[in-house]
Amino acid sequence: MSRFDDELPLRRHVDGGVTTLTMQRPRQFNALSEAMLEALGRELERLAEDDDVRCVVLAAEGRAFCAGHDLKQMRATPDEAYYRDLFARCGTVMQRIVTLPVPVIARVQGLATAAGCQLVASCDLAVAARSARFAVSGINVGLFCSTPAVALSRTIGRKRALEMLFTGEFIDADRALDWGLVNRVADDDALDDALGELTAAICAKSAVALHTGKALFQRQLQQPLDEAYCLAGDTMAANMMAEDVTEGIDAFIEKRTPQWRHR
């Protein structure tokens, strides 16, 4: 099953429980134009209400994953109010990735720069081709990548994020793996195989556990340690009451594959 709308720079493809959103502005290196941000926001909002979705893959066509904001479009409207609105809309898209009930995986090939690197950092997981490269390069044109800094600092830590932000230098896929920006690196011709292994592992799990786990993980990050443990304990106790947990424990004891009630 797939759907394509010629008016949108985004293609949606559904295969079982995996929904893939593919950015398709290859000649513009999939820059986050106003239309792209609108399309991503709309699709993420719709997916948040779709109970059949187990995980979402964010992909791109062409030689680049995403080169960040569309600079030509931005220069065409030199107005601070316009820029505030644009960055707010971009921030909303990133937050929708974080709050989506299911895991979101970035499939990264080629370049992921500035807001494109922010997009990778905002996803729950990322699988990168060995040739992929990452940078927050606004500093090279006199612009500190302030909004990418939010996602980047929460993903790879303060000093590594600041090194990227202050220098604008690229890091390769292996360093991105070492720093925690991506989860897995595969040879370019094996990228989809590596992605498929990850999505299959996720789709085999209980939807209740996935939804509960992602929501809890994001909430506890913002809490002091004692409050985080209280929140986690309450969440785990409620999770224990789900039918899927009863089935999962019984299956473990009986040495069989669980049959999830909520798929």
Protein backbone atom coordinates (compact mmCIF):
# COMPACT_ATOMS: atom_id res chain seq x y z
CA MET A 1 0.00 0.00 0.00
CA SER A 2 1.33 3.42 -0.86
CA ARG A 3 0.10 6.94 -1.49
CA PHE A 4 1.67 9.79 -3.39
CA ASP A 5 0.37 13.34 -3.65
CA ASP A 6 2.02 15.41 -6.42
CA GLU A 7 1.47 18.58 -4.41
CA LEU A 8 3.55 17.35 -1.50
CA PRO A 9 7.33 16.93 -1.39
CA LEU A 10 6.81 13.79 0.68
CA ARG A 11 5.89 10.20 -0.16
CA ARG A 12 4.23 7.83 2.30
CA HIS A 13 4.58 4.07 1.98
CA VAL A 14 3.05 1.48 4.32
CA ASP A 15 4.40 -2.05 4.64
CA GLY A 16 2.82 -3.98 7.50
CA GLY A 17 3.29 -1.93 10.65
CA VAL A 18 6.09 0.20 9.17
CA THR A 19 5.23 3.57 7.65
CA THR A 20 8.00 5.21 5.64
CA LEU A 21 7.94 8.95 4.95
CA THR A 22 10.34 9.77 2.13
CA MET A 23 11.42 13.34 1.46
CA GLN A 24 11.65 13.85 -2.29
CA ARG A 25 13.40 17.07 -3.19
CA PRO A 26 16.66 15.42 -4.31
CA ARG A 27 17.84 18.34 -6.44
CA GLN A 28 17.55 20.61 -3.39
CA PHE A 29 19.16 17.95 -1.15
CA ASN A 30 15.75 17.55 0.52
CA ALA A 31 15.96 20.97 2.15
CA LEU A 32 13.24 21.74 4.68
CA SER A 33 11.18 24.18 2.67
CA GLU A 34 7.93 25.57 4.01
CA ALA A 35 6.06 22.93 2.00
CA MET A 36 8.28 20.14 3.33
CA LEU A 37 7.75 21.22 6.94
CA GLU A 38 4.02 21.46 6.38
CA ALA A 39 3.91 18.00 4.80
CA LEU A 40 6.00 16.42 7.56
CA GLY A 41 3.89 18.06 10.26
CA ARG A 42 0.65 16.90 8.66
CA GLU A 43 1.82 13.32 8.21
CA LEU A 44 3.20 13.05 11.75
CA GLU A 45 -0.04 14.42 13.17
CA ARG A 46 -2.05 11.85 11.21
CA LEU A 47 0.26 8.98 12.19
CA ALA A 48 -0.14 9.84 15.87
CA GLU A 49 -3.79 8.76 15.54
CA ASP A 50 -3.15 5.58 13.52
CA ASP A 51 -3.27 2.50 15.75
CA ASP A 52 -1.92 0.26 12.98
CA VAL A 53 1.48 1.98 12.90
CA ARG A 54 4.24 0.16 14.82
CA CYS A 55 7.15 2.35 13.77
CA VAL A 56 7.92 5.18 11.36
CA VAL A 57 10.95 5.48 9.07
CA LEU A 58 12.04 8.92 7.89
CA ALA A 59 13.94 8.56 4.61
CA ALA A 60 15.01 10.66 1.64
CA GLU A 61 15.68 10.36 -2.07
CA GLY A 62 18.91 11.29 -3.79
CA ARG A 63 22.46 11.91 -2.62
CA ALA A 64 21.53 13.68 0.63
CA PHE A 65 19.29 12.92 3.56
CA CYS A 66 18.58 16.58 4.32
CA ALA A 67 20.65 19.75 3.94
CA GLY A 68 18.67 21.74 6.50
CA HIS A 69 16.50 24.77 5.84
CA ASP A 70 15.98 26.08 2.32
CA LEU A 71 18.37 29.05 2.40
CA LYS A 72 17.18 30.51 -0.92
CA GLN A 73 13.62 30.53 0.35
CA MET A 74 14.74 32.10 3.62
CA ARG A 75 16.73 34.87 1.89
CA ALA A 76 13.69 35.72 -0.23
CA THR A 77 11.86 36.92 2.91
CA PRO A 78 14.32 38.93 5.05
CA ASP A 79 11.89 39.51 7.90
CA GLU A 80 12.43 38.60 11.56
CA ALA A 81 8.76 37.74 12.15
CA TYR A 82 8.89 35.35 9.20
CA TYR A 83 12.01 33.68 10.58
CA ARG A 84 10.48 33.33 14.04
CA ASP A 85 7.44 31.63 12.54
CA LEU A 86 9.56 29.37 10.32
CA PHE A 87 11.76 28.17 13.18
CA ALA A 88 8.69 27.69 15.39
CA ARG A 89 7.11 25.49 12.70
CA CYS A 90 10.32 23.52 12.39
CA GLY A 91 10.43 23.08 16.17
CA THR A 92 6.87 21.80 16.11
CA VAL A 93 7.81 19.13 13.56
CA MET A 94 10.78 18.01 15.68
CA GLN A 95 8.59 17.83 18.78
CA ARG A 96 5.99 15.78 16.93
CA ILE A 97 8.69 13.23 16.18
CA VAL A 98 9.55 13.08 19.88
CA THR A 99 5.92 12.80 21.02
CA LEU A 100 4.77 10.36 18.34
CA PRO A 101 3.60 7.24 20.24
CA VAL A 102 5.79 4.87 18.20
CA PRO A 103 9.54 4.78 17.48
CA VAL A 104 10.78 6.99 14.64
CA ILE A 105 13.90 5.84 12.77
CA ALA A 106 16.01 8.03 10.49
CA ARG A 107 17.39 6.28 7.40
CA VAL A 108 20.41 8.42 6.59
CA GLN A 109 22.37 8.47 3.36
CA GLY A 110 24.70 11.20 2.11
CA LEU A 111 24.63 14.53 3.94
CA ALA A 112 22.63 15.46 7.03
CA THR A 113 23.46 19.09 7.79
CA ALA A 114 22.09 21.87 10.01
CA ALA A 115 18.34 21.22 10.48
CA GLY A 116 18.88 17.92 8.65
CA CYS A 117 21.24 16.86 11.43
CA GLN A 118 18.63 18.16 13.87
CA LEU A 119 16.12 15.85 12.20
CA VAL A 120 18.39 12.85 12.78
CA ALA A 121 18.98 13.85 16.41
CA SER A 122 15.25 14.25 16.99
CA CYS A 123 14.44 10.73 15.81
CA ASP A 124 14.41 7.97 18.41
CA LEU A 125 16.83 5.83 16.40
CA ALA A 126 18.98 6.23 13.29
CA VAL A 127 20.60 3.87 10.79
CA ALA A 128 23.28 5.43 8.58
CA ALA A 129 25.07 4.44 5.41
CA ARG A 130 28.83 4.29 5.86
CA SER A 131 29.21 7.21 3.44
CA ALA A 132 26.87 9.46 5.46
CA ARG A 133 28.25 12.68 6.93
CA PHE A 134 26.83 14.99 9.57
CA ALA A 135 27.35 18.66 10.42
CA VAL A 136 25.67 21.71 11.91
CA SER A 137 27.31 24.15 9.57
CA GLY A 138 25.40 27.39 10.08
CA ILE A 139 28.45 28.82 11.84
CA ASN A 140 30.20 28.85 8.46
CA VAL A 141 27.79 31.50 7.17
CA GLY A 142 27.69 33.47 10.41
CA LEU A 143 24.59 31.75 11.81
CA PHE A 144 24.81 29.69 15.00
CA CYS A 145 22.60 26.59 14.62
CA SER A 146 20.57 27.40 17.74
CA THR A 147 17.55 25.21 17.03
CA PRO A 148 19.61 22.17 15.96
CA ALA A 149 21.58 22.66 19.19
CA VAL A 150 18.46 21.73 21.19
CA ALA A 151 18.17 18.25 19.69
CA LEU A 152 21.90 17.70 19.30
CA SER A 153 22.78 18.53 22.92
CA ARG A 154 20.11 16.12 24.15
CA THR A 155 21.48 13.33 21.96
CA ILE A 156 25.29 13.43 21.97
CA GLY A 157 26.04 15.52 25.06
CA ARG A 158 27.25 19.05 25.70
CA LYS A 159 30.91 19.05 24.66
CA ARG A 160 30.49 16.99 21.49
CA ALA A 161 27.50 19.09 20.46
CA LEU A 162 29.41 22.32 21.04
CA GLU A 163 32.37 21.07 19.03
CA MET A 164 30.09 20.48 16.06
CA LEU A 165 28.25 23.77 16.60
CA PHE A 166 31.37 25.93 17.04
CA THR A 167 33.38 24.44 14.17
CA GLY A 168 30.78 23.45 11.59
CA GLU A 169 33.00 20.49 10.77
CA PHE A 170 31.64 17.23 9.41
CA ILE A 171 31.76 13.97 11.29
CA ASP A 172 31.55 10.65 9.45
CA ALA A 173 29.16 7.79 10.14
CA ASP A 174 31.57 5.89 12.36
CA ARG A 175 32.11 8.91 14.61
CA ALA A 176 28.36 9.56 14.64
CA LEU A 177 27.95 5.97 15.86
CA ASP A 178 30.63 6.44 18.52
CA TRP A 179 29.03 9.69 19.70
CA GLY A 180 25.52 8.24 19.83
CA LEU A 181 23.99 10.27 17.00
CA VAL A 182 23.17 7.05 15.12
CA ASN A 183 22.54 3.50 16.33
CA ARG A 184 23.84 1.42 13.44
CA VAL A 185 26.12 1.94 10.44
CA ALA A 186 25.91 -0.25 7.34
CA ASP A 187 27.67 -0.40 4.01
CA ASP A 188 25.78 1.72 1.52
CA ASP A 189 24.40 -1.27 -0.38
CA ALA A 190 23.29 -2.92 2.88
CA LEU A 191 21.53 0.10 4.42
CA ASP A 192 18.01 -1.20 3.80
CA ASP A 193 18.91 -4.64 5.15
CA ALA A 194 20.15 -3.09 8.39
CA LEU A 195 17.04 -0.91 8.58
CA GLY A 196 14.82 -3.93 7.96
CA GLU A 197 16.44 -5.86 10.81
CA LEU A 198 15.74 -2.98 13.19
CA THR A 199 12.13 -2.41 12.13
CA ALA A 200 11.41 -6.16 12.28
CA ALA A 201 12.75 -6.32 15.83
CA ILE A 202 10.52 -3.42 16.86
CA CYS A 203 7.40 -4.68 15.10
CA ALA A 204 7.72 -8.02 16.89
CA LYS A 205 7.13 -6.30 20.24
CA SER A 206 3.90 -5.40 22.00
CA ALA A 207 2.38 -2.13 20.83
CA VAL A 208 1.33 -1.38 24.41
CA ALA A 209 4.91 -1.71 25.61
CA LEU A 210 6.24 0.46 22.77
CA HIS A 211 3.73 3.25 23.36
CA THR A 212 4.17 3.14 27.13
CA GLY A 213 7.94 2.99 26.91
CA LYS A 214 8.49 5.86 24.50
CA ALA A 215 6.16 8.20 26.41
CA LEU A 216 7.78 7.35 29.75
CA PHE A 217 11.33 7.65 28.42
CA GLN A 218 10.75 11.17 27.10
CA ARG A 219 8.93 12.34 30.24
CA GLN A 220 11.47 11.02 32.74
CA LEU A 221 14.34 12.79 30.98
CA GLN A 222 12.93 16.11 32.16
CA GLN A 223 12.51 15.05 35.81
CA PRO A 224 14.85 15.11 38.82
CA LEU A 225 16.11 11.63 39.67
CA ASP A 226 13.67 10.94 42.53
CA GLU A 227 10.67 12.14 40.52
CA ALA A 228 11.83 10.16 37.49
CA TYR A 229 11.85 6.96 39.56
CA CYS A 230 8.38 7.70 40.95
CA LEU A 231 7.05 8.32 37.46
CA ALA A 232 8.75 5.18 36.12
CA GLY A 233 7.44 3.02 38.97
CA ASP A 234 3.87 4.21 38.49
CA THR A 235 4.13 3.70 34.75
CA MET A 236 5.54 0.20 35.14
CA ALA A 237 2.83 -0.78 37.62
CA ALA A 238 0.12 0.38 35.20
CA ASN A 239 1.89 -1.41 32.34
CA MET A 240 1.86 -4.64 34.38
CA MET A 241 -1.94 -4.61 34.26
CA ALA A 242 -2.04 -4.78 30.44
CA GLU A 243 -3.23 -7.98 28.76
CA ASP A 244 -0.04 -8.10 26.72
CA VAL A 245 2.09 -8.35 29.85
CA THR A 246 0.02 -11.25 31.16
CA GLU A 247 0.41 -12.97 27.80
CA GLY A 248 4.11 -12.17 27.59
CA ILE A 249 4.92 -13.56 31.03
CA ASP A 250 2.80 -16.67 30.46
CA ALA A 251 4.55 -17.23 27.12
CA PHE A 252 7.95 -16.87 28.77
CA ILE A 253 7.04 -19.40 31.47
CA GLU A 254 5.54 -21.80 28.91
CA LYS A 255 8.53 -21.33 26.54
CA ARG A 256 6.44 -20.22 23.56
CA THR A 257 6.14 -17.13 21.34
CA PRO A 258 3.71 -14.55 22.78
CA GLN A 259 0.57 -13.70 20.85
CA TRP A 260 0.10 -10.01 21.46
CA ARG A 261 -3.48 -8.82 21.98
CA HIS A 262 -2.67 -5.29 20.83
CA ARG A 263 -0.83 -5.28 17.54
